[in-house]
PDB file of N, CA and C in Angstrom:
ATOM      1  N   MET A   1      -6.789   0.730  -0.817  1.00  0.00           N
ATOM      2  CA  MET A   1      -7.503   1.708  -2.776  1.00  0.00           C
ATOM      3  C   MET A   1      -6.477   0.856  -3.547  1.00  0.00           C
ATOM      4  N   LEU A   2      -6.774   0.568  -4.655  1.00  0.00           N
ATOM      5  CA  LEU A   2      -6.054  -0.227  -5.791  1.00  0.00           C
ATOM      6  C   LEU A   2      -5.864   0.239  -6.842  1.00  0.00           C
ATOM      7  N   HIS A   3      -4.763   0.144  -7.864  1.00  0.00           N
ATOM      8  CA  HIS A   3      -4.360   0.582  -8.751  1.00  0.00           C
ATOM      9  C   HIS A   3      -3.706  -0.041  -9.850  1.00  0.00           C
ATOM     10  N   GLU A   4      -4.433   0.000 -10.944  1.00  0.00           N
ATOM     11  CA  GLU A   4      -3.342  -1.050 -11.601  1.00  0.00           C
ATOM     12  C   GLU A   4      -2.433  -0.644 -12.450  1.00  0.00           C
ATOM     13  N   HIS A   5      -2.051   0.590 -12.251  1.00  0.00           N
ATOM     14  CA  HIS A   5      -0.100   1.497 -12.644  1.00  0.00           C
ATOM     15  C   HIS A   5       0.049   2.068 -11.692  1.00  0.00           C
ATOM     16  N   SER A   6       0.533   1.807 -10.962  1.00  0.00           N
ATOM     17  CA  SER A   6       1.522   2.631 -10.307  1.00  0.00           C
ATOM     18  C   SER A   6       3.268   3.132 -10.327  1.00  0.00           C
ATOM     19  N   GLU A   7       3.342   4.316  -9.667  1.00  0.00           N
ATOM     20  CA  GLU A   7       5.247   4.597  -9.845  1.00  0.00           C
ATOM     21  C   GLU A   7       6.156   3.516  -9.787  1.00  0.00           C
ATOM     22  N   PHE A   8       5.118   2.385  -8.231  1.00  0.00           N
ATOM     23  CA  PHE A   8       6.410   2.173  -8.365  1.00  0.00           C
ATOM     24  C   PHE A   8       6.242   0.314  -9.434  1.00  0.00           C
ATOM     25  N   GLU A   9       5.375   0.371 -10.289  1.00  0.00           N
ATOM     26  CA  GLU A   9       5.318  -0.501 -11.101  1.00  0.00           C
ATOM     27  C   GLU A   9       6.103  -2.031 -12.098  1.00  0.00           C
ATOM     28  N   SER A  10       7.911  -0.700 -11.676  1.00  0.00           N
ATOM     29  CA  SER A  10       9.175  -1.919 -12.412  1.00  0.00           C
ATOM     30  C   SER A  10       9.048  -2.332 -11.404  1.00  0.00           C
ATOM     31  N   LYS A  11       9.246  -2.223 -10.036  1.00  0.00           N
ATOM     32  CA  LYS A  11       9.820  -2.113  -9.190  1.00  0.00           C
ATOM     33  C   LYS A  11       9.399  -3.403  -8.681  1.00  0.00           C
ATOM     34  N   PHE A  12       8.620  -4.470  -9.078  1.00  0.00           N
ATOM     35  CA  PHE A  12       7.549  -5.349  -8.523  1.00  0.00           C
ATOM     36  C   PHE A  12       7.981  -6.665  -9.494  1.00  0.00           C
ATOM     37  N   GLU A  13       8.429  -6.433 -10.953  1.00  0.00           N
ATOM     38  CA  GLU A  13       9.177  -7.310 -11.328  1.00  0.00           C
ATOM     39  C   GLU A  13       7.872  -8.717 -11.635  1.00  0.00           C
ATOM     40  N   VAL A  14       6.712  -7.903 -11.605  1.00  0.00           N
ATOM     41  CA  VAL A  14       5.945  -9.360 -12.530  1.00  0.00           C
ATOM     42  C   VAL A  14       4.867  -8.014 -13.499  1.00  0.00           C
ATOM     43  N   ASP A  15       4.139  -9.125 -13.958  1.00  0.00           N
ATOM     44  CA  ASP A  15       3.546  -8.121 -14.698  1.00  0.00           C
ATOM     45  C   ASP A  15       2.077  -8.312 -15.132  1.00  0.00           C
ATOM     46  N   ASN A  16       0.944  -7.192 -15.692  1.00  0.00           N
ATOM     47  CA  ASN A  16      -0.303  -7.891 -15.413  1.00  0.00           C
ATOM     48  C   ASN A  16      -0.400  -7.664 -13.317  1.00  0.00           C
ATOM     49  N   SER A  17      -0.060  -6.684 -13.110  1.00  0.00           N
ATOM     50  CA  SER A  17      -0.714  -6.511 -11.070  1.00  0.00           C
ATOM     51  C   SER A  17      -1.150  -6.197 -11.107  1.00  0.00           C
ATOM     52  N   ILE A  18      -2.101  -5.343  -9.939  1.00  0.00           N
ATOM     53  CA  ILE A  18      -2.441  -4.696  -9.425  1.00  0.00           C
ATOM     54  C   ILE A  18      -1.710  -4.199  -7.773  1.00  0.00           C
ATOM     55  N   TYR A  19      -1.886  -3.334  -7.911  1.00  0.00           N
ATOM     56  CA  TYR A  19      -1.301  -2.006  -6.291  1.00  0.00           C
ATOM     57  C   TYR A  19      -1.970  -1.915  -5.433  1.00  0.00           C
ATOM     58  N   ILE A  20      -1.728  -1.981  -4.478  1.00  0.00           N
ATOM     59  CA  ILE A  20      -3.233  -1.560  -2.995  1.00  0.00           C
ATOM     60  C   ILE A  20      -1.915  -0.952  -2.638  1.00  0.00           C
ATOM     61  N   ARG A  21      -2.309   0.434  -3.048  1.00  0.00           N
ATOM     62  CA  ARG A  21      -1.928   1.697  -2.633  1.00  0.00           C
ATOM     63  C   ARG A  21      -2.347   1.845  -1.333  1.00  0.00           C
ATOM     64  N   SER A  22      -3.077   1.792  -0.963  1.00  0.00           N
ATOM     65  CA  SER A  22      -4.246   2.442   0.836  1.00  0.00           C
ATOM     66  C   SER A  22      -4.743   1.010   1.324  1.00  0.00           C
ATOM     67  N   PHE A  23      -3.982   0.357   2.245  1.00  0.00           N
ATOM     68  CA  PHE A  23      -5.528  -0.894   3.419  1.00  0.00           C
ATOM     69  C   PHE A  23      -4.324   0.012   4.449  1.00  0.00           C
ATOM     70  N   ALA A  24      -5.886  -0.021   5.134  1.00  0.00           N
ATOM     71  CA  ALA A  24      -5.701   0.709   7.072  1.00  0.00           C
ATOM     72  C   ALA A  24      -6.677   0.326   7.551  1.00  0.00           C
ATOM     73  N   ASN A  25      -6.479  -0.143   8.359  1.00  0.00           N
ATOM     74  CA  ASN A  25      -7.692  -0.716   9.202  1.00  0.00           C
ATOM     75  C   ASN A  25      -8.068   0.595  10.473  1.00  0.00           C
ATOM     76  N   ASP A  26      -9.051   0.598  11.509  1.00  0.00           N
ATOM     77  CA  ASP A  26      -9.608   1.667  12.258  1.00  0.00           C
ATOM     78  C   ASP A  26      -8.564   0.956  12.953  1.00  0.00           C
ATOM     79  N   ASN A  27      -7.983   2.389  14.371  1.00  0.00           N
ATOM     80  CA  ASN A  27      -6.982   1.769  15.818  1.00  0.00           C
ATOM     81  C   ASN A  27      -8.478  -0.056  16.793  1.00  0.00           C
ATOM     82  N   ARG A  28      -9.724   1.290  16.678  1.00  0.00           N
ATOM     83  CA  ARG A  28     -10.062   0.513  17.823  1.00  0.00           C
ATOM     84  C   ARG A  28     -10.986  -1.340  17.404  1.00  0.00           C
ATOM     85  N   HIS A  29     -10.338  -1.359  15.882  1.00  0.00           N
ATOM     86  CA  HIS A  29     -10.416  -2.508  14.992  1.00  0.00           C
ATOM     87  C   HIS A  29      -9.560  -3.434  14.867  1.00  0.00           C
ATOM     88  N   LEU A  30      -8.701  -2.974  15.415  1.00  0.00           N
ATOM     89  CA  LEU A  30      -7.035  -3.894  15.245  1.00  0.00           C
ATOM     90  C   LEU A  30      -6.684  -5.383  16.523  1.00  0.00           C
ATOM     91  N   ARG A  31      -6.256  -6.041  15.092  1.00  0.00           N
ATOM     92  CA  ARG A  31      -5.688  -7.465  15.863  1.00  0.00           C
ATOM     93  C   ARG A  31      -7.202  -7.963  16.314  1.00  0.00           C
ATOM     94  N   GLN A  32      -8.243  -7.760  15.517  1.00  0.00           N
ATOM     95  CA  GLN A  32      -9.261  -8.714  14.905  1.00  0.00           C
ATOM     96  C   GLN A  32      -9.413  -9.580  14.508  1.00  0.00           C
ATOM     97  N   GLY A  33      -8.602  -9.588  13.529  1.00  0.00           N
ATOM     98  CA  GLY A  33      -8.343 -10.015  12.135  1.00  0.00           C
ATOM     99  C   GLY A  33      -8.799  -9.900  11.079  1.00  0.00           C
ATOM    100  N   TYR A  34      -9.708  -9.227  10.751  1.00  0.00           N
ATOM    101  CA  TYR A  34     -10.510  -7.476  10.061  1.00  0.00           C
ATOM    102  C   TYR A  34     -10.160  -7.749   8.926  1.00  0.00           C
ATOM    103  N   ALA A  35      -8.311  -7.191   8.838  1.00  0.00           N
ATOM    104  CA  ALA A  35      -7.369  -6.672   7.515  1.00  0.00           C
ATOM    105  C   ALA A  35      -7.223  -8.196   7.092  1.00  0.00           C
ATOM    106  N   LYS A  36      -7.177  -9.541   7.725  1.00  0.00           N
ATOM    107  CA  LYS A  36      -6.363 -10.656   7.204  1.00  0.00           C
ATOM    108  C   LYS A  36      -7.684 -11.011   6.412  1.00  0.00           C
ATOM    109  N   GLN A  37      -8.874 -10.911   7.295  1.00  0.00           N
ATOM    110  CA  GLN A  37     -10.315 -11.630   6.389  1.00  0.00           C
ATOM    111  C   GLN A  37     -10.148 -10.765   4.886  1.00  0.00           C
ATOM    112  N   ALA A  38     -10.106  -9.627   5.099  1.00  0.00           N
ATOM    113  CA  ALA A  38      -9.998  -8.580   3.277  1.00  0.00           C
ATOM    114  C   ALA A  38      -9.394  -8.835   2.745  1.00  0.00           C
ATOM    115  N   LEU A  39      -8.073  -9.106   2.984  1.00  0.00           N
ATOM    116  CA  LEU A  39      -6.974 -10.598   1.765  1.00  0.00           C
ATOM    117  C   LEU A  39      -6.582 -10.936   1.443  1.00  0.00           C
ATOM    118  N   ILE A  40      -7.629 -11.852   2.204  1.00  0.00           N
ATOM    119  CA  ILE A  40      -8.374 -13.949   2.164  1.00  0.00           C
ATOM    120  C   ILE A  40      -9.386 -13.084   0.713  1.00  0.00           C
ATOM    121  N   ALA A  41     -10.131 -12.612   1.205  1.00  0.00           N
ATOM    122  CA  ALA A  41     -11.418 -12.483  -0.438  1.00  0.00           C
ATOM    123  C   ALA A  41     -11.150 -11.899  -1.164  1.00  0.00           C
ATOM    124  N   LEU A  42      -9.911 -10.885  -0.773  1.00  0.00           N
ATOM    125  CA  LEU A  42      -9.436  -9.852  -2.391  1.00  0.00           C
ATOM    126  C   LEU A  42      -9.413 -10.360  -4.179  1.00  0.00           C
ATOM    127  N   PRO A  43      -7.948 -11.593  -3.354  1.00  0.00           N
ATOM    128  CA  PRO A  43      -8.356 -12.022  -4.741  1.00  0.00           C
ATOM    129  C   PRO A  43      -9.708 -12.388  -5.338  1.00  0.00           C
ATOM    130  N   GLU A  44      -9.972 -12.912  -4.633  1.00  0.00           N
ATOM    131  CA  GLU A  44     -11.565 -13.832  -5.538  1.00  0.00           C
ATOM    132  C   GLU A  44     -11.986 -12.661  -5.963  1.00  0.00           C
ATOM    133  N   PHE A  45     -11.793 -10.814  -5.320  1.00  0.00           N
ATOM    134  CA  PHE A  45     -12.277 -10.088  -6.465  1.00  0.00           C
ATOM    135  C   PHE A  45     -12.296  -9.228  -7.748  1.00  0.00           C
ATOM    136  N   ILE A  46     -11.407  -9.767  -6.967  1.00  0.00           N
ATOM    137  CA  ILE A  46      -9.607  -9.175  -8.498  1.00  0.00           C
ATOM    138  C   ILE A  46      -9.649 -10.542  -9.318  1.00  0.00           C
ATOM    139  N   MET A  47     -10.348 -11.699  -9.114  1.00  0.00           N
ATOM    140  CA  MET A  47     -10.078 -12.359 -10.555  1.00  0.00           C
ATOM    141  C   MET A  47     -11.944 -12.452 -11.376  1.00  0.00           C
ATOM    142  N   SER A  48     -13.014 -11.611 -10.193  1.00  0.00           N
ATOM    143  CA  SER A  48     -13.644 -11.400 -10.891  1.00  0.00           C
ATOM    144  C   SER A  48     -14.888 -11.237 -11.468  1.00  0.00           C
ATOM    145  N   ASP A  49     -13.614  -9.562 -10.737  1.00  0.00           N
ATOM    146  CA  ASP A  49     -14.061  -8.258 -11.168  1.00  0.00           C
ATOM    147  C   ASP A  49     -12.429  -7.570 -12.261  1.00  0.00           C
ATOM    148  N   PHE A  50     -10.891  -8.120 -12.143  1.00  0.00           N
ATOM    149  CA  PHE A  50      -9.796  -7.762 -13.547  1.00  0.00           C
ATOM    150  C   PHE A  50      -9.476  -9.435 -13.206  1.00  0.00           C
ATOM    151  N   PRO A  51     -10.428 -10.211 -14.615  1.00  0.00           N
ATOM    152  CA  PRO A  51      -8.971 -11.575 -14.699  1.00  0.00           C
ATOM    153  C   PRO A  51      -8.865 -10.893 -15.338  1.00  0.00           C
ATOM    154  N   HIS A  52      -7.929 -10.581 -15.682  1.00  0.00           N
ATOM    155  CA  HIS A  52      -6.226 -10.233 -16.725  1.00  0.00           C
ATOM    156  C   HIS A  52      -5.432  -9.955 -15.781  1.00  0.00           C
ATOM    157  N   ILE A  53      -5.803  -9.446 -13.830  1.00  0.00           N
ATOM    158  CA  ILE A  53      -4.683  -9.345 -13.235  1.00  0.00           C
ATOM    159  C   ILE A  53      -4.449 -10.657 -13.212  1.00  0.00           C
ATOM    160  N   LYS A  54      -2.706 -10.992 -12.293  1.00  0.00           N
ATOM    161  CA  LYS A  54      -2.250 -12.165 -12.483  1.00  0.00           C
ATOM    162  C   LYS A  54      -1.856 -12.599 -10.936  1.00  0.00           C
ATOM    163  N   TYR A  55      -1.461 -10.645 -10.692  1.00  0.00           N
ATOM    164  CA  TYR A  55      -0.594 -10.734  -8.865  1.00  0.00           C
ATOM    165  C   TYR A  55      -1.175  -9.248  -8.114  1.00  0.00           C
ATOM    166  N   LEU A  56      -0.569  -9.807  -7.070  1.00  0.00           N
ATOM    167  CA  LEU A  56      -0.997  -8.700  -5.835  1.00  0.00           C
ATOM    168  C   LEU A  56       0.260  -7.748  -6.013  1.00  0.00           C
ATOM    169  N   THR A  57       0.149  -6.797  -5.953  1.00  0.00           N
ATOM    170  CA  THR A  57       1.262  -6.131  -5.347  1.00  0.00           C
ATOM    171  C   THR A  57       1.453  -4.851  -3.871  1.00  0.00           C
ATOM    172  N   LEU A  58       2.252  -4.617  -3.525  1.00  0.00           N
ATOM    173  CA  LEU A  58       2.150  -3.379  -2.370  1.00  0.00           C
ATOM    174  C   LEU A  58       2.933  -3.235  -1.925  1.00  0.00           C
ATOM    175  N   LEU A  59       3.701  -1.710  -1.063  1.00  0.00           N
ATOM    176  CA  LEU A  59       4.556  -1.856  -0.506  1.00  0.00           C
ATOM    177  C   LEU A  59       3.965  -2.056   0.495  1.00  0.00           C
ATOM    178  N   VAL A  60       5.274  -2.305   1.726  1.00  0.00           N
ATOM    179  CA  VAL A  60       5.478  -2.283   3.310  1.00  0.00           C
ATOM    180  C   VAL A  60       6.526  -1.920   4.006  1.00  0.00           C
ATOM    181  N   ASP A  61       6.290  -0.552   4.815  1.00  0.00           N
ATOM    182  CA  ASP A  61       7.468   0.677   5.406  1.00  0.00           C
ATOM    183  C   ASP A  61       7.753  -0.692   6.806  1.00  0.00           C
ATOM    184  N   VAL A  62       9.139  -0.746   6.875  1.00  0.00           N
ATOM    185  CA  VAL A  62      10.292  -1.468   6.539  1.00  0.00           C
ATOM    186  C   VAL A  62       9.980  -1.663   7.938  1.00  0.00           C
ATOM    187  N   PRO A  63       9.409  -0.156   8.786  1.00  0.00           N
ATOM    188  CA  PRO A  63       9.342  -0.829  10.549  1.00  0.00           C
ATOM    189  C   PRO A  63       7.732  -0.983  11.049  1.00  0.00           C
ATOM    190  N   ASN A  64       7.189  -1.251   9.709  1.00  0.00           N
ATOM    191  CA  ASN A  64       5.312  -2.002  10.339  1.00  0.00           C
ATOM    192  C   ASN A  64       5.533  -3.831  10.082  1.00  0.00           C
ATOM    193  N   THR A  65       6.237  -4.252  10.851  1.00  0.00           N
ATOM    194  CA  THR A  65       6.457  -5.696  10.982  1.00  0.00           C
ATOM    195  C   THR A  65       4.958  -5.649  11.009  1.00  0.00           C
ATOM    196  N   VAL A  66       4.214  -5.553  12.095  1.00  0.00           N
ATOM    197  CA  VAL A  66       2.558  -6.624  11.838  1.00  0.00           C
ATOM    198  C   VAL A  66       2.221  -6.938  10.879  1.00  0.00           C
ATOM    199  N   ALA A  67       2.540  -5.293   9.920  1.00  0.00           N
ATOM    200  CA  ALA A  67       1.698  -5.963   8.336  1.00  0.00           C
ATOM    201  C   ALA A  67       2.903  -6.155   7.928  1.00  0.00           C
ATOM    202  N   HIS A  68       3.522  -6.540   7.689  1.00  0.00           N
ATOM    203  CA  HIS A  68       4.965  -7.614   6.789  1.00  0.00           C
ATOM    204  C   HIS A  68       4.458  -8.680   7.183  1.00  0.00           C
ATOM    205  N   ASP A  69       4.557  -8.970   8.543  1.00  0.00           N
ATOM    206  CA  ASP A  69       4.678 -10.678   8.586  1.00  0.00           C
ATOM    207  C   ASP A  69       3.001 -11.092   8.931  1.00  0.00           C
ATOM    208  N   MET A  70       2.323 -10.522   8.596  1.00  0.00           N
ATOM    209  CA  MET A  70       0.445 -10.585   8.375  1.00  0.00           C
ATOM    210  C   MET A  70       0.645 -10.644   6.033  1.00  0.00           C
ATOM    211  N   TYR A  71       1.009 -10.087   6.044  1.00  0.00           N
ATOM    212  CA  TYR A  71       1.082 -10.644   4.390  1.00  0.00           C
ATOM    213  C   TYR A  71       2.991 -11.731   4.234  1.00  0.00           C
ATOM    214  N   LEU A  72       3.850 -11.503   5.126  1.00  0.00           N
ATOM    215  CA  LEU A  72       4.404 -12.870   4.456  1.00  0.00           C
ATOM    216  C   LEU A  72       3.157 -14.577   5.108  1.00  0.00           C
ATOM    217  N   LYS A  73       2.404 -14.375   5.810  1.00  0.00           N
ATOM    218  CA  LYS A  73       1.774 -15.715   6.765  1.00  0.00           C
ATOM    219  C   LYS A  73       0.327 -15.699   5.457  1.00  0.00           C
ATOM    220  N   LEU A  74      -0.446 -14.604   4.893  1.00  0.00           N
ATOM    221  CA  LEU A  74      -1.126 -14.887   3.583  1.00  0.00           C
ATOM    222  C   LEU A  74      -0.517 -15.109   1.726  1.00  0.00           C
ATOM    223  N   GLY A  75       1.264 -14.995   1.959  1.00  0.00           N
ATOM    224  CA  GLY A  75       1.259 -15.823   1.462  1.00  0.00           C
ATOM    225  C   GLY A  75       2.289 -14.844   0.056  1.00  0.00           C
ATOM    226  N   PHE A  76       2.786 -13.538   0.753  1.00  0.00           N
ATOM    227  CA  PHE A  76       3.301 -13.137   0.217  1.00  0.00           C
ATOM    228  C   PHE A  76       4.827 -12.743  -0.246  1.00  0.00           C
ATOM    229  N   VAL A  77       5.346 -12.480  -0.506  1.00  0.00           N
ATOM    230  CA  VAL A  77       6.841 -12.947  -0.625  1.00  0.00           C
ATOM    231  C   VAL A  77       7.424 -11.158  -0.740  1.00  0.00           C
ATOM    232  N   GLN A  78       8.947 -11.333   0.043  1.00  0.00           N
ATOM    233  CA  GLN A  78       9.428 -10.844  -0.013  1.00  0.00           C
ATOM    234  C   GLN A  78      10.237  -9.881  -0.939  1.00  0.00           C
ATOM    235  N   GLY A  79      10.348  -8.860  -1.885  1.00  0.00           N
ATOM    236  CA  GLY A  79      10.762  -8.337  -3.203  1.00  0.00           C
ATOM    237  C   GLY A  79      11.640  -7.679  -2.186  1.00  0.00           C
ATOM    238  N   ASN A  80      12.528  -6.631  -3.611  1.00  0.00           N
ATOM    239  CA  ASN A  80      13.391  -5.256  -3.409  1.00  0.00           C
ATOM    240  C   ASN A  80      12.981  -4.815  -2.345  1.00  0.00           C
ATOM    241  N   GLN A  81      14.265  -3.584  -1.332  1.00  0.00           N
ATOM    242  CA  GLN A  81      13.881  -2.677  -0.336  1.00  0.00           C
ATOM    243  C   GLN A  81      13.514  -1.452  -1.513  1.00  0.00           C
ATOM    244  N   VAL A  82      13.070  -0.608  -0.912  1.00  0.00           N
ATOM    245  CA  VAL A  82      13.111   0.919  -1.988  1.00  0.00           C
ATOM    246  C   VAL A  82      12.805   1.968  -1.372  1.00  0.00           C
ATOM    247  N   GLU A  83      12.540   2.870  -1.446  1.00  0.00           N
ATOM    248  CA  GLU A  83      12.251   3.527  -1.006  1.00  0.00           C
ATOM    249  C   GLU A  83      11.067   3.739  -1.239  1.00  0.00           C
ATOM    250  N   GLY A  84      10.170   3.892  -0.441  1.00  0.00           N
ATOM    251  CA  GLY A  84       8.395   4.025  -0.433  1.00  0.00           C
ATOM    252  C   GLY A  84       8.203   5.492   0.141  1.00  0.00           C
ATOM    253  N   GLU A  85       7.002   6.194  -0.032  1.00  0.00           N
ATOM    254  CA  GLU A  85       6.397   7.474   0.747  1.00  0.00           C
ATOM    255  C   GLU A  85       6.792   8.131   1.510  1.00  0.00           C
ATOM    256  N   ARG A  86       7.095   7.624   3.039  1.00  0.00           N
ATOM    257  CA  ARG A  86       7.802   8.408   4.338  1.00  0.00           C
ATOM    258  C   ARG A  86       8.593   7.540   4.905  1.00  0.00           C
ATOM    259  N   TYR A  87       9.022   5.859   4.156  1.00  0.00           N
ATOM    260  CA  TYR A  87      10.281   5.010   5.293  1.00  0.00           C
ATOM    261  C   TYR A  87      10.829   4.608   4.265  1.00  0.00           C
ATOM    262  N   PRO A  88      12.280   3.090   4.122  1.00  0.00           N
ATOM    263  CA  PRO A  88      11.758   2.395   3.444  1.00  0.00           C
ATOM    264  C   PRO A  88      10.966   1.284   3.275  1.00  0.00           C
ATOM    265  N   ALA A  89      10.799   1.008   2.568  1.00  0.00           N
ATOM    266  CA  ALA A  89       9.969  -0.184   2.146  1.00  0.00           C
ATOM    267  C   ALA A  89       9.736  -1.601   1.017  1.00  0.00           C
ATOM    268  N   TYR A  90       8.818  -2.612   1.807  1.00  0.00           N
ATOM    269  CA  TYR A  90      10.085  -4.149   1.172  1.00  0.00           C
ATOM    270  C   TYR A  90       9.281  -4.255  -0.433  1.00  0.00           C
ATOM    271  N   CYS A  91       8.938  -4.873  -0.861  1.00  0.00           N
ATOM    272  CA  CYS A  91       7.939  -4.804  -2.282  1.00  0.00           C
ATOM    273  C   CYS A  91       7.545  -6.289  -1.810  1.00  0.00           C
ATOM    274  N   MET A  92       6.123  -6.200  -2.184  1.00  0.00           N
ATOM    275  CA  MET A  92       5.796  -8.032  -1.673  1.00  0.00           C
ATOM    276  C   MET A  92       4.901  -7.936  -3.139  1.00  0.00           C
ATOM    277  N   VAL A  93       4.579  -9.304  -3.383  1.00  0.00           N
ATOM    278  CA  VAL A  93       3.909  -9.821  -4.623  1.00  0.00           C
ATOM    279  C   VAL A  93       4.096 -11.520  -4.024  1.00  0.00           C
ATOM    280  N   LYS A  94       2.127 -11.461  -4.798  1.00  0.00           N
ATOM    281  CA  LYS A  94       1.190 -12.246  -4.198  1.00  0.00           C
ATOM    282  C   LYS A  94       0.631 -12.573  -6.088  1.00  0.00           C
ATOM    283  N   LYS A  95       0.801 -14.368  -5.710  1.00  0.00           N
ATOM    284  CA  LYS A  95      -0.718 -15.048  -7.372  1.00  0.00           C
ATOM    285  C   LYS A  95      -1.708 -14.296  -7.182  1.00  0.00           C
ATOM    286  N   CYS A  96      -1.981 -13.985  -7.927  1.00  0.00           N
ATOM    287  CA  CYS A  96      -3.610 -13.667  -7.780  1.00  0.00           C
ATOM    288  C   CYS A  96      -4.354 -14.841  -7.526  1.00  0.00           C
ATOM    289  N   GLU A  97      -4.668 -15.534  -6.860  1.00  0.00           N
ATOM    290  CA  GLU A  97      -5.452 -17.080  -6.775  1.00  0.00           C
ATOM    291  C   GLU A  97      -6.353 -17.556  -5.365  1.00  0.00           C
ATOM    292  N   LYS A  98      -7.011 -17.843  -4.916  1.00  0.00           N
ATOM    293  CA  LYS A  98      -7.553 -17.421  -4.338  1.00  0.00           C
ATOM    294  C   LYS A  98      -6.868 -18.260  -3.018  1.00  0.00           C
ATOM    295  N   MET A  99      -6.936 -17.170  -1.819  1.00  0.00           N
ATOM    296  CA  MET A  99      -6.643 -17.527   0.019  1.00  0.00           C
ATOM    297  C   MET A  99      -7.163 -18.776   0.417  1.00  0.00           C
ATOM    298  N   ARG A 100      -6.630 -19.505   1.156  1.00  0.00           N
ATOM    299  CA  ARG A 100      -7.092 -20.749   2.281  1.00  0.00           C
ATOM    300  C   ARG A 100      -7.011 -19.622   3.572  1.00  0.00           C
ATOM    301  N   GLU A 101      -7.470 -20.210   4.040  1.00  0.00           N
ATOM    302  CA  GLU A 101      -7.880 -18.908   6.214  1.00  0.00           C
ATOM    303  C   GLU A 101      -6.352 -20.105   6.541  1.00  0.00           C
ATOM    304  N   VAL A 102      -5.807 -19.007   7.189  1.00  0.00           N
ATOM    305  CA  VAL A 102      -4.459 -19.306   7.479  1.00  0.00           C
ATOM    306  C   VAL A 102      -4.650 -19.105   8.820  1.00  0.00           C
TER     307      VAL A 102
END
């Protein structure tokens, strides 16, 4: 789920961003590369349909090291730690540009 304005917007310290509020994968399909492929394809969709958006932002729960590591490998930069919806979370930011395979 994507939001142009969220309650966490000021925590990311970037303008013209879109917040990835929810991103999940069915347990039967974990570790098959689907999440990575979706995130690689997302910037092209954003640039096409939301040309004013310059950054992708998301929160990742601190205990979710698998997702955190994937976001880092895909070029997201870890920012501040904040109180997330369930756990402490890291603010992650990525410039919205076409991603290459990792």
